[in-house]
Amino acid sequence: MSKLWNIIALLLVVGTIWHFYGDTFSQSGFQGVYEDIRSDINGIKENPKVISAIDTIEQEFRQLYDNLSEGLQKNEQSTKPNLEKPNLDPPSEQSFSIHNIELGDERSEVEQQVGKHERSSLNEYGVDWASYHENYQNFFMAAYDEQDQVIGLYTNQDLLASTHGITFESSRESILSTLPDPLNSIRKGFVNYQIQDNQEYNMFDIDNNYVTIFYDKHEDSTVTAVLIISKELEQQKEKYFAKPSKELKEGFEYQLFDLTNAARVNHGLPILSWEESVRKTARDHSTDMADNNYFGHTNLEGQSPFDRMTEDAIAYRMAGENLAVGQPSSIFAHEGLMNSLGHRENKLHEGFQSLAVGVAFSTDSQPFYTENYITK
């Protein structure tokens, strides 16, 4: 029997080496967030955790075998067939609705329709995003005021209905020809904040709400997400960046995680699990960048993401990192990363199994986002 185990272990080692060091080896590692940030591709070959795992794989194989059924069951759950999309009716009070929900609707009506929220986390407006989904299918988020009325909505899935005929199949060109002129600035107090014209999104003043429509540059600039915020809620946010807090840090982290999984479901990929052990590594790098005023995958001590994970005793076979800075929320950070090819590839990499996000704020309240993806 021991010979059989040895043969199986040897085959597993050979398969592992071929899979990770074969033709795709040059593609392992991670991509930079902006094109002017140099990418570091150290790869998994230099990962001492992988070498250690290979040295002891015969001992570990029995444990892996015992856990195989449980792992397959989880993977089956994460890739189960899509839920039926709800029938989307034209909105009755507003120009836009998401999952047949409009701003002004009662929370009790929302949850009678879709059930209780899966997560509630603080957003940049000082209220919570309540996220609704079933295994990240039919995903949307809603924010409520003190009277439990909807004052904010977001989705990056095909749940949009509009009196203007706008859907997720609409192009940026058609939207600009249909809706009023987009805003080029938004005023807060005595300051006008310019809205970046990068063709990734447009913001509109419609129905006394701010409607931001995001586009996917890699899918013919069609609609990829919609954010609707009441003017009253937007005006409560005094500055471009929200006031930092522990609760907001955690909110941004979990929101970016949820948005990533919702995007993966859109592309038929298994969802990622939350990797709590990696959150410290991600947070520490965001904090280091925020405190020392730099932006890059290699820190001031010359450490790559792989070095930092190894230092924190994170075991992995494959890892990746995305960074973002300058965006006022996880929604804008996520949509920006999805429009950057290298970071989109990390978010949609079918080989990754888990993710943790770490956020930190600079002295001027600017959030720094670090996403660390791993496969053990």
Protein backbone atom coordinates (compact mmCIF):
# COMPACT_ATOMS: atom_id res chain seq x y z
CA MET A 1 0.00 0.00 0.00
CA SER A 2 2.87 2.37 0.82
CA LYS A 3 4.26 1.87 -2.70
CA LEU A 4 0.89 2.87 -4.12
CA TRP A 5 0.93 6.06 -2.04
CA ASN A 6 4.46 6.78 -3.27
CA ILE A 7 3.42 6.38 -6.91
CA ILE A 8 0.37 8.59 -6.45
CA ALA A 9 2.42 11.23 -4.63
CA LEU A 10 5.06 11.17 -7.39
CA LEU A 11 2.41 11.63 -10.07
CA LEU A 12 0.94 14.52 -8.12
CA VAL A 13 4.35 16.20 -7.84
CA VAL A 14 5.02 15.82 -11.57
CA GLY A 15 1.57 17.15 -12.40
CA THR A 16 2.02 20.10 -10.09
CA ILE A 17 5.41 20.99 -11.54
CA TRP A 18 4.16 20.67 -15.12
CA HIS A 19 1.04 22.70 -14.41
CA PHE A 20 2.82 25.58 -12.76
CA TYR A 21 6.21 25.56 -14.50
CA GLY A 22 5.15 24.53 -17.99
CA ASP A 23 4.24 26.75 -20.90
CA THR A 24 2.38 29.22 -18.69
CA PHE A 25 5.22 29.87 -16.26
CA SER A 26 6.06 33.22 -17.76
CA GLN A 27 2.47 34.29 -17.07
CA SER A 28 2.57 33.53 -13.34
CA GLY A 29 2.94 36.30 -10.81
CA PHE A 30 1.02 39.52 -10.92
CA GLN A 31 0.35 42.60 -12.95
CA GLY A 32 0.75 46.25 -11.98
CA VAL A 33 -2.26 48.49 -11.48
CA TYR A 34 -1.31 51.31 -13.80
CA GLU A 35 0.62 50.89 -17.00
CA ASP A 36 3.39 53.13 -15.69
CA ILE A 37 3.94 50.87 -12.68
CA ARG A 38 6.51 48.20 -13.44
CA SER A 39 5.24 44.64 -13.04
CA ASP A 40 7.27 42.19 -10.99
CA ILE A 41 7.00 38.59 -12.22
CA ASN A 42 8.91 36.58 -9.66
CA GLY A 43 6.65 33.57 -10.14
CA ILE A 44 6.01 30.66 -7.85
CA LYS A 45 9.31 28.99 -8.61
CA GLU A 46 11.01 31.07 -5.92
CA ASN A 47 8.30 30.44 -3.35
CA PRO A 48 9.85 28.47 -0.49
CA LYS A 49 6.39 27.37 0.60
CA VAL A 50 5.91 25.56 -2.71
CA ILE A 51 9.32 23.91 -2.44
CA SER A 52 8.51 22.84 1.11
CA ALA A 53 5.14 21.50 0.04
CA ILE A 54 6.75 19.42 -2.72
CA ASP A 55 9.30 18.00 -0.26
CA THR A 56 6.57 16.86 2.09
CA ILE A 57 3.81 16.13 -0.39
CA GLU A 58 3.61 12.42 0.37
CA GLN A 59 2.69 13.17 3.98
CA GLU A 60 0.25 15.86 2.98
CA PHE A 61 -1.43 13.82 0.26
CA ARG A 62 -3.45 11.71 2.66
CA GLN A 63 -4.90 14.84 4.26
CA LEU A 64 -5.62 16.37 0.85
CA TYR A 65 -7.33 13.17 -0.20
CA ASP A 66 -9.51 13.20 2.92
CA ASN A 67 -10.55 16.78 2.19
CA LEU A 68 -11.16 16.18 -1.52
CA SER A 69 -14.87 15.48 -1.22
CA GLU A 70 -15.44 18.61 0.86
CA GLY A 71 -13.44 20.73 -1.61
CA LEU A 72 -15.33 19.39 -4.60
CA GLN A 73 -18.60 20.10 -2.86
CA LYS A 74 -17.60 23.72 -2.22
CA ASN A 75 -16.46 24.14 -5.82
CA GLU A 76 -19.73 22.69 -7.06
CA GLN A 77 -21.62 25.22 -4.95
CA SER A 78 -19.51 28.08 -6.30
CA THR A 79 -20.14 27.10 -9.92
CA LYS A 80 -23.77 26.01 -9.70
CA PRO A 81 -26.04 26.99 -12.60
CA ASN A 82 -27.16 30.58 -12.77
CA LEU A 83 -30.31 31.52 -10.94
CA GLU A 84 -33.17 32.70 -13.03
CA LYS A 85 -32.94 36.44 -13.58
CA PRO A 86 -35.95 38.32 -12.22
CA ASN A 87 -38.47 39.71 -14.68
CA LEU A 88 -37.54 43.38 -14.92
CA ASP A 89 -40.46 45.79 -15.09
CA PRO A 90 -40.13 49.43 -16.20
CA PRO A 91 -39.68 51.71 -13.15
CA SER A 92 -42.81 53.55 -12.06
CA GLU A 93 -41.47 56.52 -10.07
CA GLN A 94 -37.87 56.93 -11.22
CA SER A 95 -36.00 56.70 -14.51
CA PHE A 96 -33.99 53.71 -13.31
CA SER A 97 -34.58 50.65 -11.16
CA ILE A 98 -32.32 47.81 -10.08
CA HIS A 99 -33.86 44.39 -9.46
CA ASN A 100 -37.23 46.21 -9.70
CA ILE A 101 -36.21 48.44 -6.77
CA GLU A 102 -36.21 52.23 -6.98
CA LEU A 103 -34.92 54.97 -4.74
CA GLY A 104 -37.62 55.79 -2.19
CA ASP A 105 -38.81 52.19 -1.77
CA GLU A 106 -39.22 50.83 1.75
CA ARG A 107 -36.66 48.39 3.13
CA SER A 108 -39.45 46.04 4.17
CA GLU A 109 -40.63 45.90 0.55
CA VAL A 110 -37.10 45.23 -0.70
CA GLU A 111 -36.48 42.38 1.72
CA GLN A 112 -39.91 40.91 1.15
CA GLN A 113 -38.92 40.67 -2.49
CA VAL A 114 -35.30 39.47 -2.24
CA GLY A 115 -34.83 38.29 1.34
CA LYS A 116 -32.46 39.45 4.06
CA HIS A 117 -29.15 41.05 3.14
CA GLU A 118 -25.99 38.91 3.08
CA ARG A 119 -23.68 41.63 4.44
CA SER A 120 -23.95 45.15 5.80
CA SER A 121 -20.86 47.38 5.70
CA LEU A 122 -20.16 51.09 6.01
CA ASN A 123 -19.69 53.08 2.81
CA GLU A 124 -18.22 56.50 1.98
CA TYR A 125 -21.57 58.21 2.58
CA GLY A 126 -21.69 57.30 6.26
CA VAL A 127 -24.45 54.72 5.78
CA ASP A 128 -24.27 50.99 5.15
CA TRP A 129 -24.34 49.14 1.90
CA ALA A 130 -26.60 46.12 2.36
CA SER A 131 -25.62 43.48 -0.19
CA TYR A 132 -28.20 41.07 -1.58
CA HIS A 133 -27.44 37.95 -3.61
CA GLU A 134 -27.51 34.18 -3.64
CA ASN A 135 -23.98 32.90 -4.01
CA TYR A 136 -23.23 36.24 -5.73
CA GLN A 137 -25.93 35.72 -8.35
CA ASN A 138 -28.49 38.51 -8.84
CA PHE A 139 -26.11 40.74 -6.87
CA PHE A 140 -26.95 44.32 -5.90
CA MET A 141 -26.39 46.67 -2.97
CA ALA A 142 -28.84 49.09 -1.37
CA ALA A 143 -28.35 51.93 1.11
CA TYR A 144 -31.11 53.15 3.43
CA ASP A 145 -31.82 56.33 5.36
CA GLU A 146 -33.01 56.55 8.96
CA GLN A 147 -36.58 55.93 7.81
CA ASP A 148 -35.47 52.72 6.05
CA GLN A 149 -36.08 54.13 2.60
CA VAL A 150 -33.74 53.33 -0.28
CA ILE A 151 -31.34 56.22 -0.93
CA GLY A 152 -28.66 54.36 -2.89
CA LEU A 153 -28.46 51.42 -5.30
CA TYR A 154 -25.64 49.66 -7.14
CA THR A 155 -25.26 46.58 -9.30
CA ASN A 156 -22.67 45.14 -11.67
CA GLN A 157 -25.05 42.47 -12.95
CA ASP A 158 -27.80 42.64 -15.56
CA LEU A 159 -30.56 43.84 -13.22
CA LEU A 160 -31.14 47.30 -14.68
CA ALA A 161 -34.42 48.61 -16.07
CA SER A 162 -34.96 52.14 -17.39
CA THR A 163 -37.68 54.31 -18.86
CA HIS A 164 -35.00 55.39 -21.36
CA GLY A 165 -34.56 51.84 -22.65
CA ILE A 166 -31.03 51.61 -21.23
CA THR A 167 -29.81 48.11 -20.37
CA PHE A 168 -26.48 46.37 -19.83
CA GLU A 169 -26.33 45.89 -23.59
CA SER A 170 -26.37 49.65 -24.19
CA SER A 171 -23.18 51.28 -25.45
CA ARG A 172 -21.60 54.43 -24.10
CA GLU A 173 -22.31 56.13 -27.40
CA SER A 174 -26.02 55.31 -27.25
CA ILE A 175 -26.30 56.45 -23.63
CA LEU A 176 -24.67 59.80 -24.36
CA SER A 177 -27.10 60.30 -27.22
CA THR A 178 -30.10 59.36 -25.05
CA LEU A 179 -29.54 60.97 -21.66
CA PRO A 180 -28.92 64.64 -20.79
CA ASP A 181 -25.34 65.87 -20.95
CA PRO A 182 -23.19 64.20 -18.28
CA LEU A 183 -21.80 66.23 -15.42
CA ASN A 184 -18.21 67.43 -15.66
CA SER A 185 -17.97 68.43 -11.99
CA ILE A 186 -19.77 68.03 -8.70
CA ARG A 187 -19.90 70.77 -6.07
CA LYS A 188 -19.28 70.15 -2.38
CA GLY A 189 -19.37 73.23 -0.20
CA PHE A 190 -17.26 75.87 -1.93
CA VAL A 191 -15.28 73.38 -3.99
CA ASN A 192 -16.05 72.02 -7.46
CA TYR A 193 -14.62 68.54 -7.92
CA GLN A 194 -13.89 67.72 -11.55
CA ILE A 195 -15.19 64.40 -12.87
CA GLN A 196 -12.48 62.57 -14.78
CA ASP A 197 -13.33 62.06 -18.45
CA ASN A 198 -11.61 58.73 -19.03
CA GLN A 199 -14.52 57.13 -20.94
CA GLU A 200 -14.89 54.55 -18.16
CA TYR A 201 -17.98 56.15 -16.64
CA ASN A 202 -20.34 59.12 -16.85
CA MET A 203 -22.35 60.78 -14.09
CA PHE A 204 -25.79 62.24 -14.76
CA ASP A 205 -28.20 64.44 -12.80
CA ILE A 206 -31.53 62.64 -13.22
CA ASP A 207 -34.66 62.61 -11.01
CA ASN A 208 -32.82 64.60 -8.33
CA ASN A 209 -30.32 61.74 -8.12
CA TYR A 210 -26.76 61.23 -9.26
CA VAL A 211 -26.68 58.30 -11.69
CA THR A 212 -23.22 56.96 -12.55
CA ILE A 213 -23.03 54.53 -15.45
CA PHE A 214 -19.83 52.51 -15.79
CA TYR A 215 -18.60 51.03 -19.07
CA ASP A 216 -16.50 47.97 -19.87
CA LYS A 217 -13.76 48.99 -22.29
CA HIS A 218 -13.02 45.34 -23.00
CA GLU A 219 -16.61 44.61 -24.06
CA ASP A 220 -17.22 47.39 -26.58
CA SER A 221 -17.81 50.02 -23.86
CA THR A 222 -21.20 48.57 -22.95
CA VAL A 223 -22.74 49.15 -19.53
CA THR A 224 -21.03 47.10 -16.81
CA ALA A 225 -22.40 48.70 -13.61
CA VAL A 226 -24.78 51.39 -12.38
CA LEU A 227 -24.62 53.47 -9.18
CA ILE A 228 -27.60 55.61 -8.13
CA ILE A 229 -27.24 57.99 -5.18
CA SER A 230 -29.84 60.49 -3.98
CA LYS A 231 -28.70 64.12 -4.11
CA GLU A 232 -29.41 64.50 -0.42
CA LEU A 233 -27.09 61.63 0.43
CA GLU A 234 -24.37 62.90 -1.91
CA GLN A 235 -24.53 66.38 -0.37
CA GLN A 236 -24.03 64.90 3.10
CA LYS A 237 -20.57 63.81 1.94
CA GLU A 238 -18.63 67.02 2.42
CA LYS A 239 -15.46 66.15 0.53
CA TYR A 240 -14.33 63.92 -2.31
CA PHE A 241 -12.75 61.43 0.10
CA ALA A 242 -14.75 60.30 3.11
CA LYS A 243 -13.55 60.67 6.69
CA PRO A 244 -11.42 57.61 7.56
CA SER A 245 -12.49 55.19 10.26
CA LYS A 246 -11.96 51.57 11.21
CA GLU A 247 -15.50 50.80 10.11
CA LEU A 248 -14.98 52.43 6.70
CA LYS A 249 -11.72 50.53 6.20
CA GLU A 250 -13.50 47.23 6.83
CA GLY A 251 -16.43 48.33 4.68
CA PHE A 252 -14.20 49.09 1.68
CA GLU A 253 -12.39 45.77 2.13
CA TYR A 254 -15.50 43.62 2.16
CA GLN A 255 -17.18 45.63 -0.59
CA LEU A 256 -14.22 45.17 -2.93
CA PHE A 257 -14.26 41.45 -2.16
CA ASP A 258 -17.99 41.18 -2.90
CA LEU A 259 -17.74 43.20 -6.12
CA THR A 260 -14.97 40.92 -7.36
CA ASN A 261 -17.03 37.81 -6.75
CA ALA A 262 -20.08 39.33 -8.44
CA ALA A 263 -17.88 40.09 -11.48
CA ARG A 264 -16.53 36.53 -11.51
CA VAL A 265 -20.07 35.15 -11.54
CA ASN A 266 -20.77 37.36 -14.58
CA HIS A 267 -17.96 35.54 -16.39
CA GLY A 268 -18.92 32.03 -15.33
CA LEU A 269 -16.06 31.65 -12.83
CA PRO A 270 -16.09 30.10 -9.34
CA ILE A 271 -16.31 32.57 -6.50
CA LEU A 272 -13.35 33.24 -4.21
CA SER A 273 -13.30 32.56 -0.49
CA TRP A 274 -12.21 35.26 1.95
CA GLU A 275 -8.61 34.60 3.08
CA GLU A 276 -8.40 36.19 6.53
CA SER A 277 -4.75 35.20 6.99
CA VAL A 278 -3.77 37.42 4.04
CA ARG A 279 -5.69 40.52 5.15
CA LYS A 280 -2.83 41.63 7.42
CA THR A 281 -0.36 41.36 4.53
CA ALA A 282 -2.63 43.42 2.29
CA ARG A 283 -3.38 46.00 4.99
CA ASP A 284 0.27 46.37 5.93
CA HIS A 285 1.21 47.15 2.33
CA SER A 286 -1.62 49.68 1.95
CA THR A 287 -0.56 51.29 5.22
CA ASP A 288 3.08 51.41 4.13
CA MET A 289 2.15 53.12 0.85
CA ALA A 290 -0.20 55.57 2.55
CA ASP A 291 2.26 56.47 5.33
CA ASN A 292 5.31 56.79 3.07
CA ASN A 293 3.64 58.40 0.06
CA TYR A 294 4.50 55.88 -2.67
CA PHE A 295 2.56 53.52 -4.89
CA GLY A 296 3.93 50.22 -6.15
CA HIS A 297 4.07 46.48 -5.69
CA THR A 298 7.69 46.60 -4.48
CA ASN A 299 7.95 48.30 -1.10
CA LEU A 300 10.70 50.63 0.07
CA GLU A 301 12.64 47.67 1.46
CA GLY A 302 12.65 46.01 -1.95
CA GLN A 303 10.13 43.33 -1.03
CA SER A 304 7.73 41.96 -3.63
CA PRO A 305 4.22 40.78 -2.74
CA PHE A 306 5.61 37.24 -2.63
CA ASP A 307 8.33 38.29 -0.18
CA ARG A 308 5.74 39.92 2.06
CA MET A 309 3.49 36.85 2.00
CA THR A 310 6.41 34.57 2.79
CA GLU A 311 7.47 36.84 5.65
CA ASP A 312 3.93 36.58 7.04
CA ALA A 313 4.03 32.76 6.77
CA ILE A 314 1.38 32.67 4.05
CA ALA A 315 1.48 29.33 2.20
CA TYR A 316 0.51 29.51 -1.46
CA ARG A 317 1.12 27.85 -4.81
CA MET A 318 0.13 30.88 -6.86
CA ALA A 319 -0.44 34.50 -5.86
CA GLY A 320 -1.34 37.82 -7.40
CA GLU A 321 -1.74 41.40 -6.30
CA ASN A 322 -3.79 44.36 -7.52
CA LEU A 323 -3.34 47.90 -6.21
CA ALA A 324 -5.48 51.00 -6.56
CA VAL A 325 -5.32 54.54 -5.25
CA GLY A 326 -7.16 57.78 -5.91
CA GLN A 327 -10.64 56.27 -6.10
CA PRO A 328 -13.17 57.48 -3.49
CA SER A 329 -14.75 54.07 -2.95
CA SER A 330 -14.38 50.37 -3.61
CA ILE A 331 -16.94 50.66 -6.40
CA PHE A 332 -14.77 53.09 -8.37
CA ALA A 333 -11.62 51.11 -7.50
CA HIS A 334 -13.16 47.86 -8.71
CA GLU A 335 -14.53 49.30 -11.93
CA GLY A 336 -11.17 50.94 -12.68
CA LEU A 337 -9.29 47.68 -12.11
CA MET A 338 -11.71 45.81 -14.37
CA ASN A 339 -10.88 48.26 -17.17
CA SER A 340 -7.13 47.64 -16.73
CA LEU A 341 -6.28 44.45 -18.58
CA GLY A 342 -3.64 43.04 -16.21
CA HIS A 343 -5.75 43.60 -13.13
CA ARG A 344 -8.85 42.34 -14.85
CA GLU A 345 -6.91 39.13 -15.53
CA ASN A 346 -6.16 38.77 -11.83
CA LYS A 347 -9.79 39.38 -10.87
CA LEU A 348 -10.97 36.85 -13.46
CA HIS A 349 -8.15 34.31 -13.11
CA GLU A 350 -9.79 30.91 -12.97
CA GLY A 351 -6.88 29.45 -10.98
CA PHE A 352 -7.22 31.69 -7.93
CA GLN A 353 -9.13 30.29 -4.97
CA SER A 354 -9.21 33.03 -2.36
CA LEU A 355 -8.80 36.76 -1.82
CA ALA A 356 -8.26 39.27 0.94
CA VAL A 357 -8.36 43.05 0.65
CA GLY A 358 -6.48 45.55 2.79
CA VAL A 359 -7.27 49.27 2.88
CA ALA A 360 -5.46 52.17 4.55
CA PHE A 361 -5.92 55.94 4.44
CA SER A 362 -3.32 58.63 3.88
CA THR A 363 -3.18 61.86 5.87
CA ASP A 364 -5.42 63.50 3.26
CA SER A 365 -8.01 60.68 3.66
CA GLN A 366 -7.13 59.07 0.35
CA PRO A 367 -7.73 55.29 0.44
CA PHE A 368 -5.06 52.84 -0.75
CA TYR A 369 -6.40 49.44 -1.83
CA THR A 370 -4.43 46.18 -1.95
CA GLU A 371 -5.97 42.96 -3.25
CA ASN A 372 -4.02 39.76 -2.58
CA TYR A 373 -5.14 36.66 -4.47
CA ILE A 374 -3.80 33.22 -3.60
CA THR A 375 -4.15 29.54 -4.37
CA LYS A 376 -2.92 27.16 -1.70
